[in-house]
Protein backbone atom coordinates (compact mmCIF):
# COMPACT_ATOMS: atom_id res chain seq x y z
CA MET A 1 18.21 5.71 12.37
CA THR A 2 18.44 4.32 8.89
CA ASN A 3 17.01 0.95 7.89
CA ASN A 4 20.59 -0.26 7.41
CA ASP A 5 21.45 0.75 11.01
CA ILE A 6 18.45 -1.17 12.33
CA LEU A 7 19.36 -4.30 10.36
CA ARG A 8 23.02 -4.12 11.51
CA ARG A 9 22.02 -3.69 15.16
CA ILE A 10 19.51 -6.57 15.09
CA ARG A 11 22.06 -8.78 13.36
CA TYR A 12 24.68 -7.91 16.00
CA CYS A 13 22.32 -8.33 18.99
CA PHE A 14 21.23 -11.80 17.90
CA ASP A 15 24.61 -12.77 16.41
CA LEU A 16 23.01 -13.61 13.06
CA LYS A 17 25.29 -14.80 10.29
CA ASP A 18 24.57 -13.82 6.68
CA ASN A 19 22.95 -17.21 5.95
CA ALA A 20 20.59 -16.72 8.93
CA VAL A 21 19.65 -13.27 7.58
CA LEU A 22 18.90 -14.88 4.20
CA LYS A 23 16.78 -17.53 5.92
CA ILE A 24 14.84 -14.79 7.75
CA PHE A 25 14.09 -13.07 4.44
CA SER A 26 12.94 -16.39 2.96
CA LEU A 27 10.57 -16.93 5.91
CA ALA A 28 8.85 -13.73 4.80
CA GLU A 29 8.75 -15.10 1.24
CA PHE A 30 11.06 -12.30 0.13
CA ASP A 31 13.90 -13.01 -2.29
CA ALA A 32 17.09 -11.41 -1.05
CA THR A 33 20.52 -12.33 -2.38
CA ALA A 34 23.75 -12.73 -0.44
CA GLU A 35 25.09 -9.70 -2.35
CA GLN A 36 22.14 -7.57 -1.22
CA VAL A 37 22.54 -8.63 2.41
CA SER A 38 26.25 -7.88 2.25
CA GLY A 39 25.54 -4.45 0.74
CA TRP A 40 22.90 -3.61 3.36
CA LEU A 41 25.29 -4.50 6.17
CA LYS A 42 28.11 -2.26 4.93
CA LYS A 43 28.67 1.28 6.20
CA GLU A 44 27.60 4.13 3.92
CA GLU A 45 31.18 5.06 3.13
CA ASP A 46 32.12 1.48 2.14
CA GLU A 47 32.25 0.36 -1.46
CA GLY A 48 29.26 -1.81 -2.32
CA PHE A 49 26.92 -0.17 0.23
CA LEU A 50 23.24 -0.59 -0.62
CA LYS A 51 20.56 1.60 0.92
CA MET A 52 17.85 -0.60 2.43
CA ARG A 53 14.31 0.43 1.51
CA ASP A 54 11.38 0.31 3.93
CA LYS A 55 9.81 -2.66 2.14
CA GLU A 56 13.04 -4.66 2.50
CA LEU A 57 13.34 -3.94 6.23
CA ALA A 58 9.62 -4.72 6.69
CA ALA A 59 10.18 -8.08 4.96
CA PHE A 60 13.15 -8.79 7.24
CA LEU A 61 11.14 -7.91 10.36
CA ASN A 62 8.18 -10.04 9.21
CA GLY A 63 10.60 -12.91 8.65
CA PHE A 64 12.21 -12.23 12.04
CA ILE A 65 8.80 -12.69 13.68
CA SER A 66 8.51 -16.09 11.96
CA TYR A 67 12.13 -16.92 12.84
CA LYS A 68 11.60 -16.24 16.55
CA ARG A 69 8.00 -17.42 16.99
CA GLY A 70 7.44 -19.90 14.18
CA LYS A 71 5.89 -19.38 10.78
CA ARG A 72 2.16 -18.92 10.86
CA ASP A 73 -0.11 -20.95 8.63
CA GLY A 74 -1.49 -19.53 5.44
CA GLU A 75 -0.40 -16.51 3.51
CA GLN A 76 2.41 -14.48 5.02
CA PRO A 77 1.80 -10.78 5.65
CA ALA A 78 2.95 -8.53 2.83
CA PRO A 79 5.79 -6.19 3.81
CA GLU A 80 4.72 -2.59 4.29
CA SER A 81 6.03 -0.16 1.70
CA LYS A 82 6.41 2.59 4.33
CA LEU A 83 7.84 2.00 7.80
CA ASN A 84 8.29 4.23 10.81
CA ASN A 85 10.03 3.63 14.15
CA ASN A 86 6.73 2.74 15.84
CA MET A 87 6.17 -0.07 13.34
CA VAL A 88 9.74 -1.34 13.72
CA PHE A 89 9.40 -1.27 17.53
CA GLN A 90 6.04 -3.08 17.33
CA LYS A 91 7.44 -5.81 15.04
CA LEU A 92 10.40 -6.36 17.39
CA ARG A 93 8.05 -6.53 20.38
CA ILE A 94 5.98 -9.18 18.60
CA ALA A 95 9.01 -11.18 17.42
CA LEU A 96 10.49 -11.29 20.92
CA ASN A 97 7.12 -11.78 22.63
CA LEU A 98 7.84 -8.90 25.00
CA LYS A 99 5.47 -7.56 27.64
CA ALA A 100 5.62 -3.97 28.91
CA ASP A 101 7.72 -4.92 31.95
CA ASP A 102 10.22 -6.74 29.73
CA ILE A 103 10.60 -3.68 27.50
CA LEU A 104 10.96 -1.34 30.49
CA GLY A 105 13.73 -3.63 31.79
CA ILE A 106 15.49 -3.51 28.42
CA PHE A 107 15.36 0.30 28.46
CA GLU A 108 16.73 0.28 32.00
CA ARG A 109 19.75 -1.77 30.83
CA ALA A 110 20.51 1.04 28.38
CA GLY A 111 20.15 3.65 31.13
CA PHE A 112 17.01 5.04 29.50
CA ILE A 113 14.04 5.47 31.81
CA ILE A 114 10.55 5.60 30.38
CA SER A 115 7.15 5.23 32.02
CA GLN A 116 4.66 2.49 31.21
CA HIS A 117 2.24 5.16 29.92
CA GLU A 118 4.86 6.57 27.55
CA LEU A 119 5.65 3.07 26.35
CA SER A 120 2.03 2.15 25.63
CA ALA A 121 1.63 5.34 23.58
CA PHE A 122 4.15 3.98 21.03
CA PHE A 123 1.95 0.95 20.33
CA ARG A 124 -1.32 2.81 19.79
CA LYS A 125 -2.87 3.53 16.42
CA PRO A 126 -1.74 6.87 14.94
CA SER A 127 -5.34 8.11 15.08
CA HIS A 128 -5.52 7.55 18.87
CA LYS A 129 -5.32 10.75 20.93
CA ASN A 130 -2.52 9.32 23.11
CA TYR A 131 -0.41 8.02 20.21
CA ARG A 132 3.21 9.09 20.41
CA GLU A 133 5.80 8.99 17.67
CA CYS A 134 8.79 6.78 18.46
CA LYS A 135 11.88 8.92 17.92
CA ASP A 136 15.25 7.54 16.84
CA GLN A 137 16.62 7.99 20.37
CA VAL A 138 13.95 5.66 21.80
CA LEU A 139 14.50 2.93 19.20
CA ARG A 140 18.30 3.27 19.52
CA ASN A 141 18.12 2.87 23.31
CA PHE A 142 15.81 -0.14 22.98
CA LEU A 143 18.27 -1.84 20.62
CA MET A 144 21.19 -0.90 22.90
CA GLY A 145 19.36 -2.39 25.90
CA LEU A 146 18.73 -5.56 23.90
CA GLN A 147 22.42 -5.69 23.07
CA HIS A 148 23.32 -5.33 26.77
CA GLN A 149 20.87 -8.12 27.62
CA LEU A 150 21.83 -10.56 24.87
CA ARG A 151 25.56 -9.86 24.53
CA PRO A 152 26.75 -8.66 27.95
CA ASP A 153 30.38 -9.65 27.30
CA ALA A 154 30.52 -7.72 24.03
CA ASN A 155 29.47 -4.40 25.57
CA ASN A 156 32.91 -3.53 26.89
CA SER A 157 34.86 -4.39 23.77
CA GLY A 158 32.87 -2.50 21.15
CA SER A 159 29.42 -2.37 19.68
CA ALA A 160 27.45 -2.40 16.51
CA SER A 161 27.35 0.71 14.42
């Protein structure tokens, strides 16, 4: 999954308008313009498409944590310059305050069955012997399950890209 795909799916799941996306970036103390947001949300083949870098998605996810849970006091965390699916998954878990059972239920909504042991392996440090890389399929199914949970009426009439 590309960073643009992840942003589009999160925006769709939570029904975020462009001004809400801009607010989320500002919560992470990241300056994003309406033109950038519009470009990131376009499909690759569309005119004006902008490829979203890891640092930009990390800033959005950091802001999303503040948006959902409240801004923490003091200095905001700096966005990572390199992201992987495990980090994206972890940031979404934090933003939504999800426990393992909640996540397993979300996967179930997408028709994707995973064990609690497999799930915990995604949230371990990469140096841990039981660490497991989160593949695109896992992240895609998590976001699809979220969509089924948050927008049940929209699932029959189409979906996010």
